[in-house]
């Protein structure tokens, strides 16, 4: 446990930052998952809106120092690859059924 007043304050600040960072990372994961699910269902407009939100959150997390720059770029790249694959699969299925 912290002994000095400054150490106690640092502990409180650290906990507050930890919770804020965890919430941001959780939101990024949520929008990433939602984007992939919507693309798989074929909701193109909604998946693109979710994609924009996910990319925005990732960029903000990088800017705030929650994520490293390369980590943010990697997450965005992998999300775009996954989205494009799912959309291509869905369009291929609809073309075959037509």
PDB file of N, CA and C in Angstrom:
ATOM      1  N   UNK A   1       0.843  -1.187   0.000  1.00  0.00           N
ATOM      2  CA  UNK A   1       0.000   0.000   0.000  1.00  0.00           C
ATOM      3  C   UNK A   1       0.883   1.243   0.000  1.00  0.00           C
ATOM      4  N   UNK A   2       0.358   2.309  -0.570  1.00  0.00           N
ATOM      5  CA  UNK A   2       1.124   3.545  -0.670  1.00  0.00           C
ATOM      6  C   UNK A   2       1.317   4.163   0.708  1.00  0.00           C
ATOM      7  N   UNK A   3       2.528   4.673   0.972  1.00  0.00           N
ATOM      8  CA  UNK A   3       2.847   5.254   2.272  1.00  0.00           C
ATOM      9  C   UNK A   3       2.702   6.770   2.292  1.00  0.00           C
ATOM     10  N   UNK A   4       3.112   7.423   1.215  1.00  0.00           N
ATOM     11  CA  UNK A   4       3.077   8.879   1.203  1.00  0.00           C
ATOM     12  C   UNK A   4       1.823   9.379   0.502  1.00  0.00           C
ATOM     13  N   UNK A   5       1.534  10.649   0.750  1.00  0.00           N
ATOM     14  CA  UNK A   5       0.356  11.279   0.154  1.00  0.00           C
ATOM     15  C   UNK A   5       0.460  11.290  -1.378  1.00  0.00           C
ATOM     16  N   UNK A   6       1.661  11.592  -1.879  1.00  0.00           N
ATOM     17  CA  UNK A   6       1.849  11.637  -3.334  1.00  0.00           C
ATOM     18  C   UNK A   6       1.713  10.248  -3.956  1.00  0.00           C
ATOM     19  N   UNK A   7       2.163   9.220  -3.236  1.00  0.00           N
ATOM     20  CA  UNK A   7       2.042   7.852  -3.739  1.00  0.00           C
ATOM     21  C   UNK A   7       0.579   7.426  -3.785  1.00  0.00           C
ATOM     22  N   UNK A   8      -0.198   7.855  -2.802  1.00  0.00           N
ATOM     23  CA  UNK A   8      -1.640   7.540  -2.782  1.00  0.00           C
ATOM     24  C   UNK A   8      -2.345   8.214  -3.960  1.00  0.00           C
ATOM     25  N   UNK A   9      -1.967   9.475  -4.196  1.00  0.00           N
ATOM     26  CA  UNK A   9      -2.567  10.205  -5.315  1.00  0.00           C
ATOM     27  C   UNK A   9      -2.181   9.545  -6.641  1.00  0.00           C
ATOM     28  N   UNK A  10      -0.931   9.141  -6.782  1.00  0.00           N
ATOM     29  CA  UNK A  10      -0.476   8.469  -7.997  1.00  0.00           C
ATOM     30  C   UNK A  10      -1.247   7.174  -8.215  1.00  0.00           C
ATOM     31  N   UNK A  11      -1.516   6.460  -7.125  1.00  0.00           N
ATOM     32  CA  UNK A  11      -2.282   5.218  -7.209  1.00  0.00           C
ATOM     33  C   UNK A  11      -3.699   5.483  -7.712  1.00  0.00           C
ATOM     34  N   UNK A  12      -4.332   6.544  -7.186  1.00  0.00           N
ATOM     35  CA  UNK A  12      -5.681   6.911  -7.618  1.00  0.00           C
ATOM     36  C   UNK A  12      -5.701   7.295  -9.100  1.00  0.00           C
ATOM     37  N   UNK A  13      -4.709   8.087  -9.508  1.00  0.00           N
ATOM     38  CA  UNK A  13      -4.626   8.504 -10.905  1.00  0.00           C
ATOM     39  C   UNK A  13      -4.398   7.313 -11.822  1.00  0.00           C
ATOM     40  N   UNK A  14      -3.527   6.405 -11.376  1.00  0.00           N
ATOM     41  CA  UNK A  14      -3.224   5.218 -12.167  1.00  0.00           C
ATOM     42  C   UNK A  14      -4.475   4.368 -12.349  1.00  0.00           C
ATOM     43  N   UNK A  15      -5.240   4.188 -11.276  1.00  0.00           N
ATOM     44  CA  UNK A  15      -6.476   3.395 -11.335  1.00  0.00           C
ATOM     45  C   UNK A  15      -7.484   4.051 -12.286  1.00  0.00           C
ATOM     46  N   UNK A  16      -7.605   5.372 -12.190  1.00  0.00           N
ATOM     47  CA  UNK A  16      -8.553   6.087 -13.050  1.00  0.00           C
ATOM     48  C   UNK A  16      -8.168   5.927 -14.525  1.00  0.00           C
ATOM     49  N   UNK A  17      -6.862   6.077 -14.823  1.00  0.00           N
ATOM     50  CA  UNK A  17      -6.387   5.910 -16.195  1.00  0.00           C
ATOM     51  C   UNK A  17      -6.595   4.485 -16.689  1.00  0.00           C
ATOM     52  N   UNK A  18      -6.335   3.521 -15.812  1.00  0.00           N
ATOM     53  CA  UNK A  18      -6.509   2.110 -16.157  1.00  0.00           C
ATOM     54  C   UNK A  18      -7.960   1.830 -16.559  1.00  0.00           C
ATOM     55  N   UNK A  19      -8.897   2.339 -15.768  1.00  0.00           N
ATOM     56  CA  UNK A  19     -10.311   2.107 -16.072  1.00  0.00           C
ATOM     57  C   UNK A  19     -10.724   2.783 -17.384  1.00  0.00           C
ATOM     58  N   UNK A  20     -10.218   3.998 -17.603  1.00  0.00           N
ATOM     59  CA  UNK A  20     -10.553   4.726 -18.833  1.00  0.00           C
ATOM     60  C   UNK A  20      -9.973   4.009 -20.052  1.00  0.00           C
ATOM     61  N   UNK A  21      -8.725   3.550 -19.927  1.00  0.00           N
ATOM     62  CA  UNK A  21      -8.088   2.836 -21.033  1.00  0.00           C
ATOM     63  C   UNK A  21      -8.800   1.524 -21.311  1.00  0.00           C
ATOM     64  N   UNK A  22      -9.206   0.816 -20.260  1.00  0.00           N
ATOM     65  CA  UNK A  22      -9.898  -0.458 -20.423  1.00  0.00           C
ATOM     66  C   UNK A  22     -11.235  -0.252 -21.130  1.00  0.00           C
ATOM     67  N   UNK A  23     -11.945   0.821 -20.790  1.00  0.00           N
ATOM     68  CA  UNK A  23     -13.229   1.114 -21.441  1.00  0.00           C
ATOM     69  C   UNK A  23     -13.023   1.399 -22.926  1.00  0.00           C
ATOM     70  N   UNK A  24     -11.965   2.138 -23.252  1.00  0.00           N
ATOM     71  CA  UNK A  24     -11.675   2.455 -24.651  1.00  0.00           C
ATOM     72  C   UNK A  24     -11.340   1.188 -25.432  1.00  0.00           C
ATOM     73  N   UNK A  25     -10.500   0.334 -24.862  1.00  0.00           N
ATOM     74  CA  UNK A  25     -10.130  -0.909 -25.542  1.00  0.00           C
ATOM     75  C   UNK A  25     -11.341  -1.807 -25.728  1.00  0.00           C
ATOM     76  N   UNK A  26     -12.221  -1.828 -24.739  1.00  0.00           N
ATOM     77  CA  UNK A  26     -13.436  -2.631 -24.830  1.00  0.00           C
ATOM     78  C   UNK A  26     -14.337  -2.119 -25.957  1.00  0.00           C
ATOM     79  N   UNK A  27     -14.466  -0.795 -26.069  1.00  0.00           N
ATOM     80  CA  UNK A  27     -15.286  -0.213 -27.132  1.00  0.00           C
ATOM     81  C   UNK A  27     -14.712  -0.545 -28.507  1.00  0.00           C
ATOM     82  N   UNK A  28     -13.392  -0.522 -28.632  1.00  0.00           N
ATOM     83  CA  UNK A  28     -12.750  -0.870 -29.905  1.00  0.00           C
ATOM     84  C   UNK A  28     -13.081  -2.310 -30.274  1.00  0.00           C
ATOM     85  N   UNK A  29     -12.979  -3.222 -29.304  1.00  0.00           N
ATOM     86  CA  UNK A  29     -13.283  -4.628 -29.559  1.00  0.00           C
ATOM     87  C   UNK A  29     -14.745  -4.814 -29.935  1.00  0.00           C
ATOM     88  N   UNK A  30     -15.634  -4.078 -29.261  1.00  0.00           N
ATOM     89  CA  UNK A  30     -17.060  -4.188 -29.536  1.00  0.00           C
ATOM     90  C   UNK A  30     -17.371  -3.762 -30.965  1.00  0.00           C
ATOM     91  N   UNK A  31     -16.865  -2.604 -31.375  1.00  0.00           N
ATOM     92  CA  UNK A  31     -17.153  -2.116 -32.727  1.00  0.00           C
ATOM     93  C   UNK A  31     -16.476  -2.970 -33.798  1.00  0.00           C
ATOM     94  N   UNK A  32     -15.311  -3.529 -33.483  1.00  0.00           N
ATOM     95  CA  UNK A  32     -14.639  -4.425 -34.421  1.00  0.00           C
ATOM     96  C   UNK A  32     -15.482  -5.677 -34.647  1.00  0.00           C
ATOM     97  N   UNK A  33     -15.950  -6.260 -33.546  1.00  0.00           N
ATOM     98  CA  UNK A  33     -16.778  -7.469 -33.640  1.00  0.00           C
ATOM     99  C   UNK A  33     -18.088  -7.163 -34.362  1.00  0.00           C
ATOM    100  N   UNK A  34     -18.690  -6.033 -34.037  1.00  0.00           N
ATOM    101  CA  UNK A  34     -19.963  -5.646 -34.657  1.00  0.00           C
ATOM    102  C   UNK A  34     -19.801  -5.443 -36.158  1.00  0.00           C
ATOM    103  N   UNK A  35     -18.691  -4.839 -36.559  1.00  0.00           N
ATOM    104  CA  UNK A  35     -18.422  -4.621 -37.980  1.00  0.00           C
ATOM    105  C   UNK A  35     -18.372  -5.945 -38.730  1.00  0.00           C
ATOM    106  N   UNK A  36     -17.650  -6.905 -38.166  1.00  0.00           N
ATOM    107  CA  UNK A  36     -17.515  -8.219 -38.805  1.00  0.00           C
ATOM    108  C   UNK A  36     -18.853  -8.945 -38.870  1.00  0.00           C
ATOM    109  N   UNK A  37     -19.626  -8.883 -37.793  1.00  0.00           N
ATOM    110  CA  UNK A  37     -20.924  -9.561 -37.763  1.00  0.00           C
ATOM    111  C   UNK A  37     -21.890  -8.962 -38.780  1.00  0.00           C
ATOM    112  N   UNK A  38     -21.930  -7.633 -38.852  1.00  0.00           N
ATOM    113  CA  UNK A  38     -22.831  -6.974 -39.797  1.00  0.00           C
ATOM    114  C   UNK A  38     -22.434  -7.275 -41.240  1.00  0.00           C
ATOM    115  N   UNK A  39     -21.135  -7.338 -41.502  1.00  0.00           N
ATOM    116  CA  UNK A  39     -20.672  -7.658 -42.858  1.00  0.00           C
ATOM    117  C   UNK A  39     -21.067  -9.085 -43.223  1.00  0.00           C
ATOM    118  N   UNK A  40     -20.978  -9.988 -42.265  1.00  0.00           N
ATOM    119  CA  UNK A  40     -21.336 -11.378 -42.518  1.00  0.00           C
ATOM    120  C   UNK A  40     -22.826 -11.516 -42.816  1.00  0.00           C
ATOM    121  N   UNK A  41     -23.640 -10.689 -42.155  1.00  0.00           N
ATOM    122  CA  UNK A  41     -25.080 -10.714 -42.386  1.00  0.00           C
ATOM    123  C   UNK A  41     -25.457 -10.026 -43.697  1.00  0.00           C
ATOM    124  N   UNK A  42     -24.542  -9.224 -44.230  1.00  0.00           N
ATOM    125  CA  UNK A  42     -24.809  -8.547 -45.494  1.00  0.00           C
ATOM    126  C   UNK A  42     -25.302  -7.124 -45.326  1.00  0.00           C
ATOM    127  N   UNK A  43     -25.295  -6.596 -44.114  1.00  0.00           N
ATOM    128  CA  UNK A  43     -25.697  -5.209 -43.871  1.00  0.00           C
ATOM    129  C   UNK A  43     -24.518  -4.292 -44.199  1.00  0.00           C
ATOM    130  N   UNK A  44     -24.395  -3.933 -45.453  1.00  0.00           N
ATOM    131  CA  UNK A  44     -23.217  -3.190 -45.906  1.00  0.00           C
ATOM    132  C   UNK A  44     -23.163  -1.790 -45.297  1.00  0.00           C
ATOM    133  N   UNK A  45     -24.290  -1.059 -45.334  1.00  0.00           N
ATOM    134  CA  UNK A  45     -24.286   0.312 -44.823  1.00  0.00           C
ATOM    135  C   UNK A  45     -23.970   0.338 -43.337  1.00  0.00           C
ATOM    136  N   UNK A  46     -24.610  -0.555 -42.582  1.00  0.00           N
ATOM    137  CA  UNK A  46     -24.396  -0.586 -41.138  1.00  0.00           C
ATOM    138  C   UNK A  46     -22.973  -1.032 -40.799  1.00  0.00           C
ATOM    139  N   UNK A  47     -22.449  -1.984 -41.562  1.00  0.00           N
ATOM    140  CA  UNK A  47     -21.088  -2.444 -41.289  1.00  0.00           C
ATOM    141  C   UNK A  47     -20.079  -1.343 -41.598  1.00  0.00           C
ATOM    142  N   UNK A  48     -20.325  -0.553 -42.629  1.00  0.00           N
ATOM    143  CA  UNK A  48     -19.415   0.554 -42.950  1.00  0.00           C
ATOM    144  C   UNK A  48     -19.484   1.648 -41.890  1.00  0.00           C
ATOM    145  N   UNK A  49     -20.695   1.896 -41.359  1.00  0.00           N
ATOM    146  CA  UNK A  49     -20.831   2.878 -40.281  1.00  0.00           C
ATOM    147  C   UNK A  49     -20.093   2.401 -39.038  1.00  0.00           C
ATOM    148  N   UNK A  50     -20.224   1.123 -38.730  1.00  0.00           N
ATOM    149  CA  UNK A  50     -19.532   0.544 -37.590  1.00  0.00           C
ATOM    150  C   UNK A  50     -18.019   0.562 -37.811  1.00  0.00           C
ATOM    151  N   UNK A  51     -17.603   0.333 -39.049  1.00  0.00           N
ATOM    152  CA  UNK A  51     -16.180   0.381 -39.395  1.00  0.00           C
ATOM    153  C   UNK A  51     -15.618   1.779 -39.148  1.00  0.00           C
ATOM    154  N   UNK A  52     -16.351   2.792 -39.590  1.00  0.00           N
ATOM    155  CA  UNK A  52     -15.903   4.173 -39.386  1.00  0.00           C
ATOM    156  C   UNK A  52     -15.749   4.479 -37.901  1.00  0.00           C
ATOM    157  N   UNK A  53     -16.700   4.010 -37.106  1.00  0.00           N
ATOM    158  CA  UNK A  53     -16.651   4.232 -35.652  1.00  0.00           C
ATOM    159  C   UNK A  53     -15.441   3.506 -35.044  1.00  0.00           C
ATOM    160  N   UNK A  54     -15.202   2.265 -35.469  1.00  0.00           N
ATOM    161  CA  UNK A  54     -14.069   1.490 -34.944  1.00  0.00           C
ATOM    162  C   UNK A  54     -12.749   2.173 -35.290  1.00  0.00           C
ATOM    163  N   UNK A  55     -12.612   2.613 -36.528  1.00  0.00           N
ATOM    164  CA  UNK A  55     -11.375   3.281 -36.947  1.00  0.00           C
ATOM    165  C   UNK A  55     -11.181   4.579 -36.182  1.00  0.00           C
ATOM    166  N   UNK A  56     -12.261   5.308 -35.964  1.00  0.00           N
ATOM    167  CA  UNK A  56     -12.186   6.544 -35.204  1.00  0.00           C
ATOM    168  C   UNK A  56     -11.714   6.275 -33.776  1.00  0.00           C
ATOM    169  N   UNK A  57     -12.276   5.254 -33.151  1.00  0.00           N
ATOM    170  CA  UNK A  57     -11.874   4.909 -31.788  1.00  0.00           C
ATOM    171  C   UNK A  57     -10.415   4.469 -31.729  1.00  0.00           C
ATOM    172  N   UNK A  58      -9.984   3.701 -32.719  1.00  0.00           N
ATOM    173  CA  UNK A  58      -8.592   3.247 -32.756  1.00  0.00           C
ATOM    174  C   UNK A  58      -7.654   4.447 -32.905  1.00  0.00           C
ATOM    175  N   UNK A  59      -7.997   5.363 -33.805  1.00  0.00           N
ATOM    176  CA  UNK A  59      -7.159   6.548 -34.010  1.00  0.00           C
ATOM    177  C   UNK A  59      -7.078   7.407 -32.747  1.00  0.00           C
ATOM    178  N   UNK A  60      -8.212   7.565 -32.073  1.00  0.00           N
ATOM    179  CA  UNK A  60      -8.222   8.349 -30.838  1.00  0.00           C
ATOM    180  C   UNK A  60      -7.396   7.664 -29.749  1.00  0.00           C
ATOM    181  N   UNK A  61      -7.477   6.335 -29.677  1.00  0.00           N
ATOM    182  CA  UNK A  61      -6.700   5.591 -28.682  1.00  0.00           C
ATOM    183  C   UNK A  61      -5.202   5.746 -28.946  1.00  0.00           C
ATOM    184  N   UNK A  62      -4.812   5.748 -30.216  1.00  0.00           N
ATOM    185  CA  UNK A  62      -3.407   5.951 -30.570  1.00  0.00           C
ATOM    186  C   UNK A  62      -2.970   7.357 -30.180  1.00  0.00           C
ATOM    187  N   UNK A  63      -3.816   8.326 -30.480  1.00  0.00           N
ATOM    188  CA  UNK A  63      -3.491   9.723 -30.179  1.00  0.00           C
ATOM    189  C   UNK A  63      -3.335   9.946 -28.668  1.00  0.00           C
ATOM    190  N   UNK A  64      -4.155   9.258 -27.876  1.00  0.00           N
ATOM    191  CA  UNK A  64      -4.108   9.410 -26.419  1.00  0.00           C
ATOM    192  C   UNK A  64      -3.032   8.552 -25.766  1.00  0.00           C
ATOM    193  N   UNK A  65      -2.394   7.671 -26.555  1.00  0.00           N
ATOM    194  CA  UNK A  65      -1.347   6.839 -26.000  1.00  0.00           C
ATOM    195  C   UNK A  65      -1.842   5.537 -25.397  1.00  0.00           C
ATOM    196  N   UNK A  66      -3.094   5.199 -25.619  1.00  0.00           N
ATOM    197  CA  UNK A  66      -3.654   3.952 -25.104  1.00  0.00           C
ATOM    198  C   UNK A  66      -3.126   2.781 -25.922  1.00  0.00           C
ATOM    199  N   UNK A  67      -3.027   2.985 -27.232  1.00  0.00           N
ATOM    200  CA  UNK A  67      -2.467   1.984 -28.123  1.00  0.00           C
ATOM    201  C   UNK A  67      -1.219   2.553 -28.788  1.00  0.00           C
ATOM    202  N   UNK A  68      -0.279   1.684 -29.102  1.00  0.00           N
ATOM    203  CA  UNK A  68       0.898   2.088 -29.861  1.00  0.00           C
ATOM    204  C   UNK A  68       0.468   2.344 -31.306  1.00  0.00           C
ATOM    205  N   UNK A  69       1.197   3.205 -31.991  1.00  0.00           N
ATOM    206  CA  UNK A  69       0.866   3.577 -33.364  1.00  0.00           C
ATOM    207  C   UNK A  69       0.768   2.358 -34.282  1.00  0.00           C
ATOM    208  N   UNK A  70       1.756   1.480 -34.216  1.00  0.00           N
ATOM    209  CA  UNK A  70       1.748   0.303 -35.082  1.00  0.00           C
ATOM    210  C   UNK A  70       0.616  -0.656 -34.722  1.00  0.00           C
ATOM    211  N   UNK A  71       0.291  -0.743 -33.444  1.00  0.00           N
ATOM    212  CA  UNK A  71      -0.816  -1.597 -33.011  1.00  0.00           C
ATOM    213  C   UNK A  71      -2.123  -1.098 -33.607  1.00  0.00           C
ATOM    214  N   UNK A  72      -2.316   0.213 -33.581  1.00  0.00           N
ATOM    215  CA  UNK A  72      -3.519   0.803 -34.164  1.00  0.00           C
ATOM    216  C   UNK A  72      -3.603   0.538 -35.657  1.00  0.00           C
ATOM    217  N   UNK A  73      -2.492   0.713 -36.340  1.00  0.00           N
ATOM    218  CA  UNK A  73      -2.474   0.462 -37.786  1.00  0.00           C
ATOM    219  C   UNK A  73      -2.742  -1.004 -38.101  1.00  0.00           C
ATOM    220  N   UNK A  74      -2.174  -1.894 -37.282  1.00  0.00           N
ATOM    221  CA  UNK A  74      -2.386  -3.326 -37.488  1.00  0.00           C
ATOM    222  C   UNK A  74      -3.858  -3.695 -37.276  1.00  0.00           C
ATOM    223  N   UNK A  75      -4.464  -3.150 -36.236  1.00  0.00           N
ATOM    224  CA  UNK A  75      -5.878  -3.437 -35.959  1.00  0.00           C
ATOM    225  C   UNK A  75      -6.761  -2.955 -37.111  1.00  0.00           C
ATOM    226  N   UNK A  76      -6.478  -1.755 -37.618  1.00  0.00           N
ATOM    227  CA  UNK A  76      -7.269  -1.218 -38.728  1.00  0.00           C
ATOM    228  C   UNK A  76      -7.091  -2.059 -39.985  1.00  0.00           C
ATOM    229  N   UNK A  77      -5.853  -2.456 -40.251  1.00  0.00           N
ATOM    230  CA  UNK A  77      -5.564  -3.253 -41.440  1.00  0.00           C
ATOM    231  C   UNK A  77      -6.281  -4.600 -41.381  1.00  0.00           C
ATOM    232  N   UNK A  78      -6.176  -5.274 -40.250  1.00  0.00           N
ATOM    233  CA  UNK A  78      -6.815  -6.579 -40.105  1.00  0.00           C
ATOM    234  C   UNK A  78      -8.330  -6.474 -40.173  1.00  0.00           C
ATOM    235  N   UNK A  79      -8.865  -5.397 -39.646  1.00  0.00           N
ATOM    236  CA  UNK A  79     -10.309  -5.191 -39.701  1.00  0.00           C
ATOM    237  C   UNK A  79     -10.764  -4.987 -41.150  1.00  0.00           C
ATOM    238  N   UNK A  80     -10.020  -4.199 -41.902  1.00  0.00           N
ATOM    239  CA  UNK A  80     -10.374  -3.960 -43.307  1.00  0.00           C
ATOM    240  C   UNK A  80     -10.278  -5.255 -44.122  1.00  0.00           C
ATOM    241  N   UNK A  81      -9.242  -6.048 -43.872  1.00  0.00           N
ATOM    242  CA  UNK A  81      -9.076  -7.316 -44.585  1.00  0.00           C
ATOM    243  C   UNK A  81     -10.246  -8.238 -44.277  1.00  0.00           C
ATOM    244  N   UNK A  82     -10.598  -8.350 -43.004  1.00  0.00           N
ATOM    245  CA  UNK A  82     -11.706  -9.225 -42.597  1.00  0.00           C
ATOM    246  C   UNK A  82     -13.025  -8.741 -43.191  1.00  0.00           C
ATOM    247  N   UNK A  83     -13.238  -7.437 -43.173  1.00  0.00           N
ATOM    248  CA  UNK A  83     -14.476  -6.870 -43.716  1.00  0.00           C
ATOM    249  C   UNK A  83     -14.570  -7.140 -45.213  1.00  0.00           C
ATOM    250  N   UNK A  84     -13.490  -6.905 -45.935  1.00  0.00           N
ATOM    251  CA  UNK A  84     -13.502  -7.130 -47.381  1.00  0.00           C
ATOM    252  C   UNK A  84     -13.743  -8.596 -47.727  1.00  0.00           C
ATOM    253  N   UNK A  85     -13.147  -9.506 -46.942  1.00  0.00           N
ATOM    254  CA  UNK A  85     -13.368 -10.937 -47.175  1.00  0.00           C
ATOM    255  C   UNK A  85     -14.828 -11.297 -46.978  1.00  0.00           C
ATOM    256  N   UNK A  86     -15.401 -10.815 -45.878  1.00  0.00           N
ATOM    257  CA  UNK A  86     -16.795 -11.143 -45.571  1.00  0.00           C
ATOM    258  C   UNK A  86     -17.746 -10.550 -46.608  1.00  0.00           C
ATOM    259  N   UNK A  87     -17.484  -9.322 -47.023  1.00  0.00           N
ATOM    260  CA  UNK A  87     -18.343  -8.701 -48.033  1.00  0.00           C
ATOM    261  C   UNK A  87     -18.214  -9.418 -49.373  1.00  0.00           C
ATOM    262  N   UNK A  88     -17.004  -9.839 -49.721  1.00  0.00           N
ATOM    263  CA  UNK A  88     -16.803 -10.568 -50.980  1.00  0.00           C
ATOM    264  C   UNK A  88     -17.516 -11.909 -50.939  1.00  0.00           C
ATOM    265  N   UNK A  89     -17.443 -12.589 -49.794  1.00  0.00           N
ATOM    266  CA  UNK A  89     -18.148 -13.862 -49.648  1.00  0.00           C
ATOM    267  C   UNK A  89     -19.650 -13.661 -49.786  1.00  0.00           C
ATOM    268  N   UNK A  90     -20.146 -12.645 -49.128  1.00  0.00           N
ATOM    269  CA  UNK A  90     -21.587 -12.396 -49.158  1.00  0.00           C
ATOM    270  C   UNK A  90     -22.051 -12.038 -50.566  1.00  0.00           C
ATOM    271  N   UNK A  91     -21.273 -11.228 -51.265  1.00  0.00           N
ATOM    272  CA  UNK A  91     -21.654 -10.859 -52.624  1.00  0.00           C
ATOM    273  C   UNK A  91     -21.558 -12.060 -53.563  1.00  0.00           C
ATOM    274  N   UNK A  92     -20.589 -12.935 -53.313  1.00  0.00           N
ATOM    275  CA  UNK A  92     -20.457 -14.152 -54.119  1.00  0.00           C
ATOM    276  C   UNK A  92     -21.651 -15.080 -53.918  1.00  0.00           C
ATOM    277  N   UNK A  93     -22.130 -15.168 -52.673  1.00  0.00           N
ATOM    278  CA  UNK A  93     -23.293 -16.010 -52.368  1.00  0.00           C
ATOM    279  C   UNK A  93     -24.556 -15.450 -53.020  1.00  0.00           C
ATOM    280  N   UNK A  94     -24.726 -14.140 -52.980  1.00  0.00           N
ATOM    281  CA  UNK A  94     -25.932 -13.540 -53.567  1.00  0.00           C
ATOM    282  C   UNK A  94     -25.896 -13.645 -55.093  1.00  0.00           C
ATOM    283  N   UNK A  95     -24.703 -13.585 -55.683  1.00  0.00           N
ATOM    284  CA  UNK A  95     -24.585 -13.708 -57.129  1.00  0.00           C
ATOM    285  C   UNK A  95     -24.927 -15.135 -57.578  1.00  0.00           C
ATOM    286  N   UNK A  96     -24.529 -16.111 -56.789  1.00  0.00           N
ATOM    287  CA  UNK A  96     -24.827 -17.509 -57.135  1.00  0.00           C
ATOM    288  C   UNK A  96     -26.308 -17.826 -56.995  1.00  0.00           C
ATOM    289  N   UNK A  97     -26.973 -17.236 -56.002  1.00  0.00           N
ATOM    290  CA  UNK A  97     -28.381 -17.545 -55.768  1.00  0.00           C
ATOM    291  C   UNK A  97     -29.287 -16.813 -56.753  1.00  0.00           C
ATOM    292  N   UNK A  98     -28.781 -15.778 -57.416  1.00  0.00           N
ATOM    293  CA  UNK A  98     -29.610 -15.008 -58.353  1.00  0.00           C
ATOM    294  C   UNK A  98     -29.847 -15.734 -59.650  1.00  0.00           C
TER     295      UNK A  98
END
